[in-house]
Structures are given as C-alpha cells and as structure tokens.
Protein backbone atom coordinates (compact mmCIF):
# COMPACT_ATOMS: atom_id res chain seq x y z
CA UNK A 1 -37.37 36.79 -39.84
CA UNK A 2 -33.99 37.59 -41.44
CA UNK A 3 -31.97 40.00 -39.28
CA UNK A 4 -29.83 41.60 -41.96
CA UNK A 5 -31.40 44.38 -44.04
CA UNK A 6 -28.82 43.48 -46.67
CA UNK A 7 -30.11 39.94 -47.13
CA UNK A 8 -33.81 40.66 -47.72
CA UNK A 9 -36.38 38.23 -49.05
CA UNK A 10 -37.31 41.01 -51.48
CA UNK A 11 -35.73 44.34 -52.37
CA UNK A 12 -38.89 45.78 -53.85
CA UNK A 13 -41.24 45.49 -50.88
CA UNK A 14 -40.93 46.35 -47.19
CA UNK A 15 -40.39 44.13 -44.18
CA UNK A 16 -43.77 44.28 -42.34
CA UNK A 17 -42.05 44.03 -38.96
CA UNK A 18 -41.71 47.83 -39.19
CA UNK A 19 -45.47 48.43 -39.26
CA UNK A 20 -46.61 50.59 -36.34
CA UNK A 21 -49.77 48.93 -35.09
CA UNK A 22 -51.01 52.06 -33.30
CA UNK A 23 -51.23 53.97 -36.62
CA UNK A 24 -53.46 51.46 -38.43
CA UNK A 25 -56.98 52.91 -38.92
CA UNK A 26 -58.58 49.47 -38.57
CA UNK A 27 -57.44 49.34 -34.95
CA UNK A 28 -60.40 51.56 -34.03
CA UNK A 29 -62.81 48.86 -35.24
CA UNK A 30 -61.74 46.40 -32.55
CA UNK A 31 -63.85 46.02 -29.44
CA UNK A 32 -62.67 47.89 -26.32
CA UNK A 33 -61.61 44.55 -24.82
CA UNK A 34 -59.44 43.67 -27.81
CA UNK A 35 -57.97 47.16 -27.94
CA UNK A 36 -56.99 46.74 -24.31
CA UNK A 37 -55.34 43.40 -25.13
CA UNK A 38 -53.37 45.07 -27.93
CA UNK A 39 -52.26 47.84 -25.57
CA UNK A 40 -51.05 45.30 -23.01
CA UNK A 41 -49.14 43.39 -25.68
CA UNK A 42 -47.55 46.62 -26.91
CA UNK A 43 -46.51 47.56 -23.38
CA UNK A 44 -44.90 44.15 -22.93
CA UNK A 45 -42.80 44.53 -26.05
CA UNK A 46 -41.90 48.14 -25.31
CA UNK A 47 -40.15 46.82 -22.21
CA UNK A 48 -37.72 45.11 -24.56
CA UNK A 49 -36.58 48.54 -25.73
CA UNK A 50 -35.08 48.96 -22.28
CA UNK A 51 -32.90 45.87 -22.62
CA UNK A 52 -29.37 45.68 -24.03
CA UNK A 53 -29.92 42.02 -24.95
CA UNK A 54 -29.82 40.91 -28.57
CA UNK A 55 -32.94 41.62 -30.62
CA UNK A 56 -35.19 38.61 -31.30
CA UNK A 57 -37.18 39.56 -34.40
CA UNK A 58 -39.07 36.27 -34.71
CA UNK A 59 -41.00 36.73 -31.47
CA UNK A 60 -41.63 40.41 -32.24
CA UNK A 61 -43.06 39.64 -35.67
CA UNK A 62 -45.10 36.73 -34.34
CA UNK A 63 -46.79 39.04 -31.82
CA UNK A 64 -47.44 41.67 -34.47
CA UNK A 65 -48.88 39.07 -36.84
CA UNK A 66 -51.48 38.05 -34.26
CA UNK A 67 -52.77 41.60 -34.05
CA UNK A 68 -52.48 42.26 -37.78
CA UNK A 69 -54.47 39.16 -38.65
CA UNK A 70 -57.17 40.18 -36.21
CA UNK A 71 -57.36 43.63 -37.78
CA UNK A 72 -57.45 42.23 -41.29
CA UNK A 73 -60.30 39.89 -40.41
CA UNK A 74 -62.37 42.87 -39.22
CA UNK A 75 -62.51 44.19 -42.76
CA UNK A 76 -62.10 47.69 -44.20
CA UNK A 77 -64.31 50.68 -44.75
CA UNK A 78 -65.30 51.36 -48.40
CA UNK A 79 -62.78 54.22 -48.55
CA UNK A 80 -59.98 52.05 -47.21
CA UNK A 81 -60.92 49.21 -49.54
CA UNK A 82 -60.72 51.60 -52.52
CA UNK A 83 -57.28 52.83 -51.44
CA UNK A 84 -56.09 49.23 -50.96
CA UNK A 85 -57.36 48.22 -54.40
CA UNK A 86 -55.60 51.17 -56.00
CA UNK A 87 -52.35 50.16 -54.31
CA UNK A 88 -52.75 46.59 -55.58
CA UNK A 89 -53.43 47.85 -59.10
CA UNK A 90 -50.36 50.09 -59.02
CA UNK A 91 -47.96 47.37 -57.86
CA UNK A 92 -49.49 44.74 -60.16
CA UNK A 93 -48.11 41.29 -60.73
CA UNK A 94 -45.01 41.90 -58.61
CA UNK A 95 -47.12 42.42 -55.50
CA UNK A 96 -49.38 39.46 -56.30
CA UNK A 97 -46.42 37.12 -56.73
CA UNK A 98 -44.74 38.35 -53.54
CA UNK A 99 -47.92 38.02 -51.46
CA UNK A 100 -48.57 34.54 -52.86
CA UNK A 101 -45.03 33.47 -51.95
CA UNK A 102 -45.56 34.80 -48.40
CA UNK A 103 -48.86 32.90 -48.10
CA UNK A 104 -47.48 29.63 -49.39
CA UNK A 105 -44.42 29.91 -47.15
CA UNK A 106 -46.58 30.69 -44.12
CA UNK A 107 -48.80 27.65 -44.67
CA UNK A 108 -45.84 25.41 -45.37
CA UNK A 109 -44.01 26.41 -42.21
CA UNK A 110 -47.03 26.55 -39.93
CA UNK A 111 -49.41 23.95 -41.28
CA UNK A 112 -51.53 24.10 -38.12
CA UNK A 113 -52.21 27.75 -38.67
CA UNK A 114 -54.48 27.24 -41.69
CA UNK A 115 -57.33 26.01 -39.47
CA UNK A 116 -56.75 28.75 -36.91
CA UNK A 117 -56.91 31.44 -39.58
CA UNK A 118 -59.71 29.84 -41.59
CA UNK A 119 -57.96 31.24 -44.67
CA UNK A 120 -56.98 29.58 -47.92
CA UNK A 121 -53.89 30.53 -49.92
CA UNK A 122 -55.61 33.29 -51.88
CA UNK A 123 -57.09 34.87 -48.74
CA UNK A 124 -53.75 34.69 -46.97
CA UNK A 125 -52.08 36.27 -50.01
CA UNK A 126 -54.62 39.10 -49.76
CA UNK A 127 -53.56 39.54 -46.13
CA UNK A 128 -49.89 39.85 -47.09
CA UNK A 129 -50.79 42.33 -49.84
CA UNK A 130 -52.61 44.35 -47.18
CA UNK A 131 -49.48 44.35 -45.01
CA UNK A 132 -47.56 45.93 -47.89
CA UNK A 133 -50.36 48.47 -48.29
CA UNK A 134 -49.88 49.41 -44.63
CA UNK A 135 -46.11 49.64 -45.08
CA UNK A 136 -46.50 51.88 -48.11
CA UNK A 137 -49.05 54.04 -46.32
CA UNK A 138 -46.90 54.51 -43.20
CA UNK A 139 -43.74 55.15 -45.19
CA UNK A 140 -45.57 57.81 -47.20
CA UNK A 141 -46.77 59.43 -43.97
CA UNK A 142 -43.22 59.47 -42.61
CA UNK A 143 -41.91 61.12 -45.76
CA UNK A 144 -44.64 63.75 -45.76
CA UNK A 145 -43.95 64.50 -42.10
CA UNK A 146 -40.24 64.89 -42.84
CA UNK A 147 -40.89 67.33 -45.67
CA UNK A 148 -43.44 69.27 -43.61
CA UNK A 149 -40.80 69.62 -40.88
CA UNK A 150 -38.54 71.43 -43.32
CA UNK A 151 -36.31 68.64 -44.60
CA UNK A 152 -35.34 69.18 -48.24
CA UNK A 153 -34.87 65.46 -49.01
CA UNK A 154 -36.59 63.58 -46.21
CA UNK A 155 -36.15 59.83 -46.26
CA UNK A 156 -33.38 58.17 -48.24
CA UNK A 157 -34.20 54.52 -48.64
CA UNK A 158 -31.52 51.84 -48.97
CA UNK A 159 -31.24 49.22 -51.72
CA UNK A 160 -29.37 46.05 -50.77
CA UNK A 161 -26.96 44.64 -53.32
CA UNK A 162 -28.92 41.39 -53.52
CA UNK A 163 -31.51 39.05 -52.02
CA UNK A 164 -31.81 35.97 -49.83
CA UNK A 165 -31.15 32.85 -51.94
CA UNK A 166 -34.33 31.20 -50.62
CA UNK A 167 -36.51 34.30 -50.51
CA UNK A 168 -39.42 35.64 -52.51
CA UNK A 169 -37.40 37.44 -55.19
CA UNK A 170 -35.16 34.41 -55.68
CA UNK A 171 -38.29 32.42 -56.56
CA UNK A 172 -40.36 35.02 -58.41
CA UNK A 173 -37.46 36.47 -60.41
CA UNK A 174 -35.60 33.20 -60.93
CA UNK A 175 -35.63 33.52 -64.73
CA UNK A 176 -33.59 36.74 -64.45
CA UNK A 177 -31.04 35.39 -61.92
CA UNK A 178 -28.05 33.05 -61.85
CA UNK A 179 -28.88 30.86 -58.81
CA UNK A 180 -25.88 28.58 -59.30
CA UNK A 181 -23.65 31.46 -58.25
CA UNK A 182 -23.35 33.78 -55.27
CA UNK A 183 -22.34 37.44 -55.09
CA UNK A 184 -19.45 38.48 -52.87
CA UNK A 185 -16.18 40.37 -52.75
CA UNK A 186 -12.54 39.40 -53.28
CA UNK A 187 -10.05 39.58 -50.41
CA UNK A 188 -9.03 43.08 -49.31
CA UNK A 189 -7.31 44.77 -46.35
CA UNK A 190 -10.44 44.69 -44.16
CA UNK A 191 -11.76 41.26 -45.20
CA UNK A 192 -8.68 39.26 -45.99
CA UNK A 193 -10.51 36.03 -46.77
CA UNK A 194 -12.98 37.69 -49.10
CA UNK A 195 -16.74 37.75 -48.63
CA UNK A 196 -19.57 35.50 -49.79
CA UNK A 197 -22.94 37.26 -49.44
CA UNK A 198 -24.86 34.14 -50.59
CA UNK A 199 -27.03 36.26 -52.93
CA UNK A 200 -27.86 35.08 -56.46
CA UNK A 201 -26.79 37.75 -59.01
CA UNK A 202 -28.76 39.20 -61.89
CA UNK A 203 -28.18 37.23 -65.09
CA UNK A 204 -26.91 40.02 -67.38
CA UNK A 205 -28.21 38.50 -70.63
CA UNK A 206 -31.66 37.50 -69.40
CA UNK A 207 -32.10 40.85 -67.64
CA UNK A 208 -31.26 42.70 -70.87
CA UNK A 209 -33.59 40.49 -72.89
CA UNK A 210 -36.46 41.50 -70.59
CA UNK A 211 -35.85 45.17 -71.33
CA UNK A 212 -34.68 45.45 -67.69
CA UNK A 213 -38.30 45.22 -66.53
CA UNK A 214 -37.53 43.75 -63.07
CA UNK A 215 -34.94 46.46 -62.49
CA UNK A 216 -37.38 49.21 -63.47
CA UNK A 217 -40.15 47.76 -61.30
CA UNK A 218 -37.82 47.58 -58.31
CA UNK A 219 -36.70 51.20 -58.68
CA UNK A 220 -40.18 52.63 -59.16
CA UNK A 221 -41.48 50.99 -56.00
CA UNK A 222 -38.47 51.93 -53.88
CA UNK A 223 -38.58 55.55 -55.04
CA UNK A 224 -42.33 55.87 -54.49
CA UNK A 225 -42.13 57.30 -50.96
CA UNK A 226 -38.58 58.57 -50.68
CA UNK A 227 -36.60 61.70 -51.42
CA UNK A 228 -33.54 59.65 -52.23
CA UNK A 229 -32.11 56.20 -52.79
CA UNK A 230 -28.80 54.81 -51.58
CA UNK A 231 -27.57 51.92 -53.71
CA UNK A 232 -25.45 49.55 -51.67
CA UNK A 233 -22.38 48.36 -53.60
CA UNK A 234 -23.28 50.48 -56.63
CA UNK A 235 -20.34 48.84 -58.39
CA UNK A 236 -22.75 45.97 -58.96
CA UNK A 237 -24.29 47.99 -61.80
CA UNK A 238 -20.94 47.67 -63.57
CA UNK A 239 -19.72 44.26 -62.50
CA UNK A 240 -20.31 41.74 -59.71
CA UNK A 241 -17.94 39.28 -58.11
CA UNK A 242 -19.48 35.86 -58.83
CA UNK A 243 -18.55 32.88 -56.67
CA UNK A 244 -19.59 29.33 -57.60
CA UNK A 245 -22.15 28.42 -54.94
CA UNK A 246 -20.66 26.42 -52.05
CA UNK A 247 -17.16 27.45 -53.13
CA UNK A 248 -14.81 30.04 -51.59
CA UNK A 249 -14.40 33.75 -52.45
CA UNK A 250 -10.85 32.89 -53.51
CA UNK A 251 -12.39 31.12 -56.54
CA UNK A 252 -14.58 34.00 -57.68
CA UNK A 253 -14.41 36.16 -60.79
CA UNK A 254 -15.93 39.43 -62.00
CA UNK A 255 -18.86 39.35 -64.43
CA UNK A 256 -19.69 42.55 -66.32
CA UNK A 257 -23.10 44.17 -66.86
CA UNK A 258 -24.31 46.74 -69.36
CA UNK A 259 -23.64 49.57 -66.92
CA UNK A 260 -24.90 52.25 -69.29
CA UNK A 261 -28.32 50.59 -69.32
CA UNK A 262 -28.38 49.82 -65.58
CA UNK A 263 -27.14 53.25 -64.53
CA UNK A 264 -29.23 55.04 -67.15
CA UNK A 265 -32.44 53.42 -65.94
CA UNK A 266 -31.51 54.23 -62.32
CA UNK A 267 -30.96 57.90 -63.20
CA UNK A 268 -34.15 58.07 -65.27
CA UNK A 269 -36.36 56.65 -62.52
CA UNK A 270 -34.76 58.95 -59.93
CA UNK A 271 -35.35 61.94 -62.19
CA UNK A 272 -39.01 60.98 -62.56
CA UNK A 273 -39.34 60.71 -58.78
CA UNK A 274 -37.35 63.89 -58.09
CA UNK A 275 -35.00 61.88 -55.90
CA UNK A 276 -31.34 62.12 -54.88
CA UNK A 277 -29.10 59.14 -55.71
CA UNK A 278 -26.19 57.93 -53.55
CA UNK A 279 -23.97 55.05 -54.61
CA UNK A 280 -21.77 53.15 -52.18
CA UNK A 281 -18.63 53.11 -54.35
CA UNK A 282 -16.22 51.71 -51.76
CA UNK A 283 -14.03 48.68 -52.34
CA UNK A 284 -12.30 47.36 -55.44
CA UNK A 285 -13.22 49.48 -58.44
CA UNK A 286 -11.82 50.76 -61.68
CA UNK A 287 -11.05 54.53 -61.49
CA UNK A 288 -13.36 55.50 -64.37
CA UNK A 289 -16.41 54.15 -62.50
CA UNK A 290 -16.55 57.15 -60.15
CA UNK A 291 -16.49 59.49 -63.15
CA UNK A 292 -19.35 57.59 -64.77
CA UNK A 293 -21.42 57.88 -61.58
CA UNK A 294 -20.67 61.57 -61.28
CA UNK A 295 -21.61 62.20 -64.91
CA UNK A 296 -25.03 60.69 -64.18
CA UNK A 297 -25.51 62.78 -61.04
CA UNK A 298 -24.99 59.89 -58.58
CA UNK A 299 -23.21 60.87 -55.37
CA UNK A 300 -20.37 58.61 -54.29
CA UNK A 301 -19.52 57.56 -50.73
CA UNK A 302 -16.56 58.87 -48.73
CA UNK A 303 -15.38 57.51 -45.36
CA UNK A 304 -12.74 59.56 -43.55
CA UNK A 305 -10.65 56.50 -42.58
CA UNK A 306 -10.30 55.42 -46.22
CA UNK A 307 -9.33 58.81 -47.67
CA UNK A 308 -5.70 59.41 -48.60
CA UNK A 309 -4.16 62.51 -50.22
CA UNK A 310 -3.77 61.62 -53.90
CA UNK A 311 -3.82 57.96 -52.85
CA UNK A 312 -0.63 58.64 -50.85
CA UNK A 313 0.37 57.95 -47.22
CA UNK A 314 -1.29 61.02 -45.66
CA UNK A 315 -4.97 61.87 -44.99
CA UNK A 316 -6.88 63.74 -47.66
CA UNK A 317 -7.08 67.50 -47.01
CA UNK A 318 -10.54 68.74 -46.13
CA UNK A 319 -10.98 70.87 -49.25
CA UNK A 320 -10.01 67.97 -51.54
CA UNK A 321 -12.98 65.76 -50.68
CA UNK A 322 -15.33 65.07 -53.59
CA UNK A 323 -18.25 67.43 -53.96
CA UNK A 324 -20.34 64.69 -55.58
CA UNK A 325 -20.28 62.48 -52.51
CA UNK A 326 -21.97 61.64 -49.23
CA UNK A 327 -19.24 61.76 -46.60
CA UNK A 328 -19.09 60.37 -43.07
CA UNK A 329 -16.72 59.28 -40.33
CA UNK A 330 -17.83 55.64 -40.25
CA UNK A 331 -20.10 53.10 -41.86
CA UNK A 332 -22.29 50.23 -40.68
CA UNK A 333 -19.51 47.82 -41.71
CA UNK A 334 -17.15 49.34 -39.13
CA UNK A 335 -17.57 49.47 -35.34
CA UNK A 336 -18.86 52.78 -33.90
CA UNK A 337 -16.10 55.40 -33.98
CA UNK A 338 -15.24 55.22 -30.26
CA UNK A 339 -14.69 51.49 -30.66
CA UNK A 340 -12.74 52.03 -33.88
CA UNK A 341 -10.41 54.46 -32.10
CA UNK A 342 -9.71 51.70 -29.55
CA UNK A 343 -8.84 49.19 -32.28
CA UNK A 344 -11.94 47.05 -31.81
CA UNK A 345 -12.20 46.49 -35.56
CA UNK A 346 -8.95 44.54 -35.33
CA UNK A 347 -9.64 42.80 -32.02
CA UNK A 348 -13.04 41.57 -33.23
CA UNK A 349 -11.71 40.21 -36.50
CA UNK A 350 -8.84 38.54 -34.68
CA UNK A 351 -11.26 36.89 -32.25
CA UNK A 352 -13.37 35.62 -35.14
CA UNK A 353 -10.37 34.30 -37.08
CA UNK A 354 -10.80 36.70 -40.00
CA UNK A 355 -7.23 38.01 -40.18
CA UNK A 356 -4.51 36.61 -42.41
CA UNK A 357 -1.75 38.82 -40.97
CA UNK A 358 -0.39 38.87 -37.39
CA UNK A 359 -2.50 40.96 -35.01
CA UNK A 360 0.52 43.03 -33.93
CA UNK A 361 1.18 43.96 -37.55
CA UNK A 362 -2.45 45.04 -38.05
CA UNK A 363 -2.47 47.06 -34.84
CA UNK A 364 0.81 48.86 -35.61
CA UNK A 365 -0.36 49.86 -39.07
CA UNK A 366 -3.74 51.03 -37.75
CA UNK A 367 -2.20 53.06 -34.91
CA UNK A 368 0.14 54.77 -37.35
CA UNK A 369 -2.75 55.74 -39.62
CA UNK A 370 -4.89 56.97 -36.74
CA UNK A 371 -2.02 59.18 -35.60
CA UNK A 372 -1.79 60.61 -39.13
CA UNK A 373 -5.51 61.42 -39.04
CA UNK A 374 -5.17 63.08 -35.62
CA UNK A 375 -2.19 65.11 -36.88
CA UNK A 376 -4.41 66.32 -39.71
CA UNK A 377 -7.20 67.28 -37.30
CA UNK A 378 -4.72 69.27 -35.20
CA UNK A 379 -3.33 70.98 -38.28
CA UNK A 380 -6.85 72.28 -38.96
CA UNK A 381 -7.16 73.49 -35.37
CA UNK A 382 -9.96 71.03 -34.59
CA UNK A 383 -8.29 68.90 -31.91
CA UNK A 384 -6.47 69.95 -28.73
CA UNK A 385 -6.43 66.74 -26.70
CA UNK A 386 -5.71 63.82 -29.00
CA UNK A 387 -5.81 61.36 -26.07
CA UNK A 388 -9.45 62.11 -25.26
CA UNK A 389 -11.56 59.78 -27.41
CA UNK A 390 -14.70 61.93 -27.29
CA UNK A 391 -12.71 64.99 -28.33
CA UNK A 392 -11.33 63.04 -31.29
CA UNK A 393 -14.85 61.85 -32.15
CA UNK A 394 -16.16 65.42 -32.17
CA UNK A 395 -13.21 66.67 -34.22
CA UNK A 396 -13.71 63.96 -36.84
CA UNK A 397 -17.32 64.99 -37.34
CA UNK A 398 -16.44 68.68 -37.47
CA UNK A 399 -13.86 67.84 -40.14
CA UNK A 400 -16.39 65.94 -42.27
CA UNK A 401 -18.95 68.73 -41.88
CA UNK A 402 -16.44 71.19 -43.34
CA UNK A 403 -15.77 69.20 -46.51
CA UNK A 404 -17.30 70.30 -49.84
CA UNK A 405 -19.27 67.03 -50.06
CA UNK A 406 -22.90 67.54 -51.09
CA UNK A 407 -24.18 65.43 -48.16
CA UNK A 408 -22.67 64.41 -44.84
CA UNK A 409 -23.78 61.72 -42.40
CA UNK A 410 -23.73 61.51 -38.62
CA UNK A 411 -24.35 57.99 -37.36
CA UNK A 412 -26.68 57.63 -34.38
CA UNK A 413 -24.34 55.09 -32.74
CA UNK A 414 -21.63 57.75 -32.60
CA UNK A 415 -24.01 60.35 -31.18
CA UNK A 416 -24.66 58.21 -28.10
CA UNK A 417 -21.15 56.77 -27.73
CA UNK A 418 -22.10 53.20 -28.63
CA UNK A 419 -19.15 50.79 -28.81
CA UNK A 420 -20.63 47.51 -30.04
CA UNK A 421 -20.33 46.72 -33.76
CA UNK A 422 -23.67 46.44 -35.50
CA UNK A 423 -22.28 44.28 -38.30
CA UNK A 424 -19.11 42.38 -38.96
CA UNK A 425 -18.77 41.64 -42.70
CA UNK A 426 -17.78 38.13 -43.65
CA UNK A 427 -19.55 36.50 -40.69
CA UNK A 428 -22.78 34.61 -40.09
CA UNK A 429 -25.06 34.67 -37.05
CA UNK A 430 -23.34 31.71 -35.43
CA UNK A 431 -20.13 33.79 -35.41
CA UNK A 432 -21.47 37.23 -34.50
CA UNK A 433 -24.96 38.69 -33.74
CA UNK A 434 -25.05 40.94 -36.78
CA UNK A 435 -27.95 43.44 -36.88
CA UNK A 436 -29.20 42.32 -33.46
CA UNK A 437 -27.45 44.94 -31.32
CA UNK A 438 -29.82 47.53 -29.80
CA UNK A 439 -28.72 51.16 -29.55
CA UNK A 440 -26.76 51.72 -26.30
CA UNK A 441 -24.49 54.35 -24.80
CA UNK A 442 -20.84 53.78 -23.89
CA UNK A 443 -21.83 52.17 -20.59
CA UNK A 444 -23.97 49.62 -22.43
CA UNK A 445 -27.28 51.18 -21.33
CA UNK A 446 -30.11 51.20 -23.92
CA UNK A 447 -30.94 54.56 -25.47
CA UNK A 448 -34.33 55.36 -27.01
CA UNK A 449 -34.70 57.87 -29.83
CA UNK A 450 -36.80 60.02 -27.52
CA UNK A 451 -33.82 60.23 -25.15
CA UNK A 452 -31.33 61.54 -27.71
CA UNK A 453 -31.67 65.28 -26.89
CA UNK A 454 -30.82 64.50 -23.26
CA UNK A 455 -27.46 62.97 -24.18
CA UNK A 456 -24.52 65.34 -23.70
CA UNK A 457 -22.47 63.61 -26.42
CA UNK A 458 -25.43 63.85 -28.78
CA UNK A 459 -25.53 67.63 -28.29
CA UNK A 460 -21.78 67.94 -28.88
CA UNK A 461 -21.88 65.93 -32.10
CA UNK A 462 -25.04 67.64 -33.31
CA UNK A 463 -23.19 70.97 -33.12
CA UNK A 464 -20.00 69.57 -34.62
CA UNK A 465 -21.84 67.98 -37.52
CA UNK A 466 -23.60 71.16 -38.63
CA UNK A 467 -22.58 72.33 -42.08
CA UNK A 468 -21.08 75.84 -42.28
CA UNK A 469 -23.91 78.37 -42.38
CA UNK A 470 -26.53 75.91 -41.07
CA UNK A 471 -28.10 77.44 -37.98
CA UNK A 472 -30.93 74.91 -37.57
C-alpha cells in the first residue's frame, strides 16, 4: 500500500483503504457472530489512532480486505446489484482494466490466496470493481453531507501530478505515456539537488492523437463527487520536467504540451460538473502561465512565505495578494508552521543531506526573511509579541484571512500545534517516513478529529482564520 497520495497507482480511482466498513449496507447481512468479530477488529485498529507511531497502511488494508471479501461473498440485494451495475456501466473500460490489474496483482503477490478466496481472476476483478463502487458511494455521501451542512463547495479533491511507475495506470495507459522518462523538478532554493518523482509523464503526441480521451476520463471521474478539484503542479499542463529514468534531476529538460487543449478540457469538465478549480502554480514557471490560468477561471496557489512585494526583498502587502488564488500560511511540502518558525525545514534538510549551501548561510537568510514577515504583521497591527510562536502563528492566519484571495486554507496540523513534517520533498521512505505521521499536538500526543473543538489553539486559529464578515 503506497503511503504517498502523490504517487498513486491510479489517479482516476480511489484508494480503498479509505472505505468505512461500518457504512457498508452489506454489513447487516453478516451473522451476529461475524458482526461481533468485525466490531472487535475495528476496536483493535481504533486503538492505533491513539498512538503517535508511524502509520502502517499494509496491515490496516490487510485487515479491511478480510472483512470486505467476506461482505462481497455474501452477495447484494437486487437494488444494490442494480446500483453497482450502473456504476460499472458509467465507468466503463477504465474501471474494468483497473479492477483486472488489481486482481492479477493480488493473485501474483499472494498466490496462496486464490484457494482461500475460491475466486478466479474475473471474480476477483468484480470484487475490486465493487470496492470502487463503495468508494464512490461513500464519497458521494460525504459531499452531500457537506452541502447539506451549508458548505458552498464541499469537498475539493486532489489530483496528483503523476502515477506510480509500476501501478495500474502505468500499465493500462502505457500507450499514452513515456515510461523511459520520469517527471521531476529542477534544483531550486528549497530542493537544491532537484527532485525525481519517478512518475512516467504523458506522451504529448500520443495523448493528442487520442483526442485526450484518457485526460477527459480522468477528469470526469474525479469531478463526479466533488465541488472542486485541486491540480497538483498545474504547470504540468504546460510543460513537465523530464528526467531520463535512472538519471539525475541535473540532467533533465522541459517538454512542452498543448496547454490550450489540456487546460481547455480541464475547464470544460469543471464547468459541466459545476466545480471550482485550483492549480498549484508554485515553483519554476513562466510569468504568462498565471495569466493563462486566471483567464480560464483557475485559481492559483499562494503561500505567505513565498510572497514578495513586486518580487522584491519585502513581504507582499495584504491587499496585493491575488484575488484568483487559494492562499495559506503553509503547504504539505513544508513542516507545520510552528516547526517552520523554529527553522526545522532547514535542520531536517541538513540532517538528510539535501542542502548544497552551508547550514549557517541557510539559517541566516531564513531568519532575516522571517523577521521581515513579522515586521509586516506588526505593521498591520496583528502581532504584539513576536517572540511567542503561537502568537505569530495566529497572526499569520489572520493576515491570510484578510487577503482578497477567493479561497483561504487553514491546515489542521497548524490548528493543533503539530511540529512533525508530513512530507519532505526529494526523499524516499528509507530517508524519511513521508505520509506516515499521525496528527499530534505540540507535545507529540495524538489528536483525533473529534477532539479538535477541545483544543485551545484550534479555537484561536479558527477565529483568526475567519474571513471578514463570516460569522459562522
């Protein structure tokens, strides 16, 4: 089970580890004894939510699979079978190919399981199709609940820039990809050795020759149960940094795409779905790209630490932030803000050998910039005690909330005072436990979503992050 949501086996379909067993209608068909067994298993795994240890997704998914297979073998009511068949018809060949890949991979990796399941490849593929049906059903329920609660957008789903090189999409969409290359990023101030994301890029010519069918299919499915779509590294619609596989990011080069076609199709499918579009337009880009996104109604991405006044040495004034943007204090590629204020983004990269400049040089430059940002917060009357980290954290969020940006973001890790980085770009699991860090407070104690309202810092940030005129 791949940990990173940005290295998925497929971008079109959903990781079934997120299925909530308790919400599956077929659960009621199990005998009382089996239902009790399921409850005991659930209780055992809920205990893991109270641990600050790294998340082990393989064992979690293995346990869920046992229950899911049992439920699938019980069969469906006629009404549920009709709904499942309609879902299969709607998703068509893409779903069939994905489910078949899952089945073949399962049997290849666990050859002893075939006898235990008494299923052949086609039956196992039907099982994996059913898992996607459950995912789609539960995601739809979550979106409807969000809208019923008064949210104007509800869920905004996230599209990774690419796929796992050995995953389902890499196999099923191989004719539209360039598997001999890998997508990444050139060296920059935050990743001085560049990045290799190991993902095979779209082949621009073959994709165009198909009428962009795989791109359209991907968008329609992802927008099916969401009020918005965030496109990670939206610059990939314009150009991607290709690296010869097994080479270094220093040897990469940019390859261009027909951005008018890629972006036009994205905007068209979002318009059909009535969805908001957000593009992560951070990093190395040509200035006209942001204008092209804005012209198509795609919000950009603004991070307070990266914003300079007219690209100069001082922070950008609050009223000069882009309106067509989603703005925030941090991002998942930076440590939580409390850790960032302490310089952990430098200490961690130094420990992992990711810096090309002396640590002292990095720290001096970062301290100087942080002081500039604090000066700006004080100039706006938002910060009294610049030495108190929590006060700075609150002021940063109040500042972002007051910008003219169409959307603003408050990260949950900041709302509980978490200090461990969720992801360190440019590293693999043997270097850092990316995407395996459970939500914890500053003291390292696990925090459940149900506990959020009890957190004092959560309440402070919730107030600070309110947009002007929002009394909810």
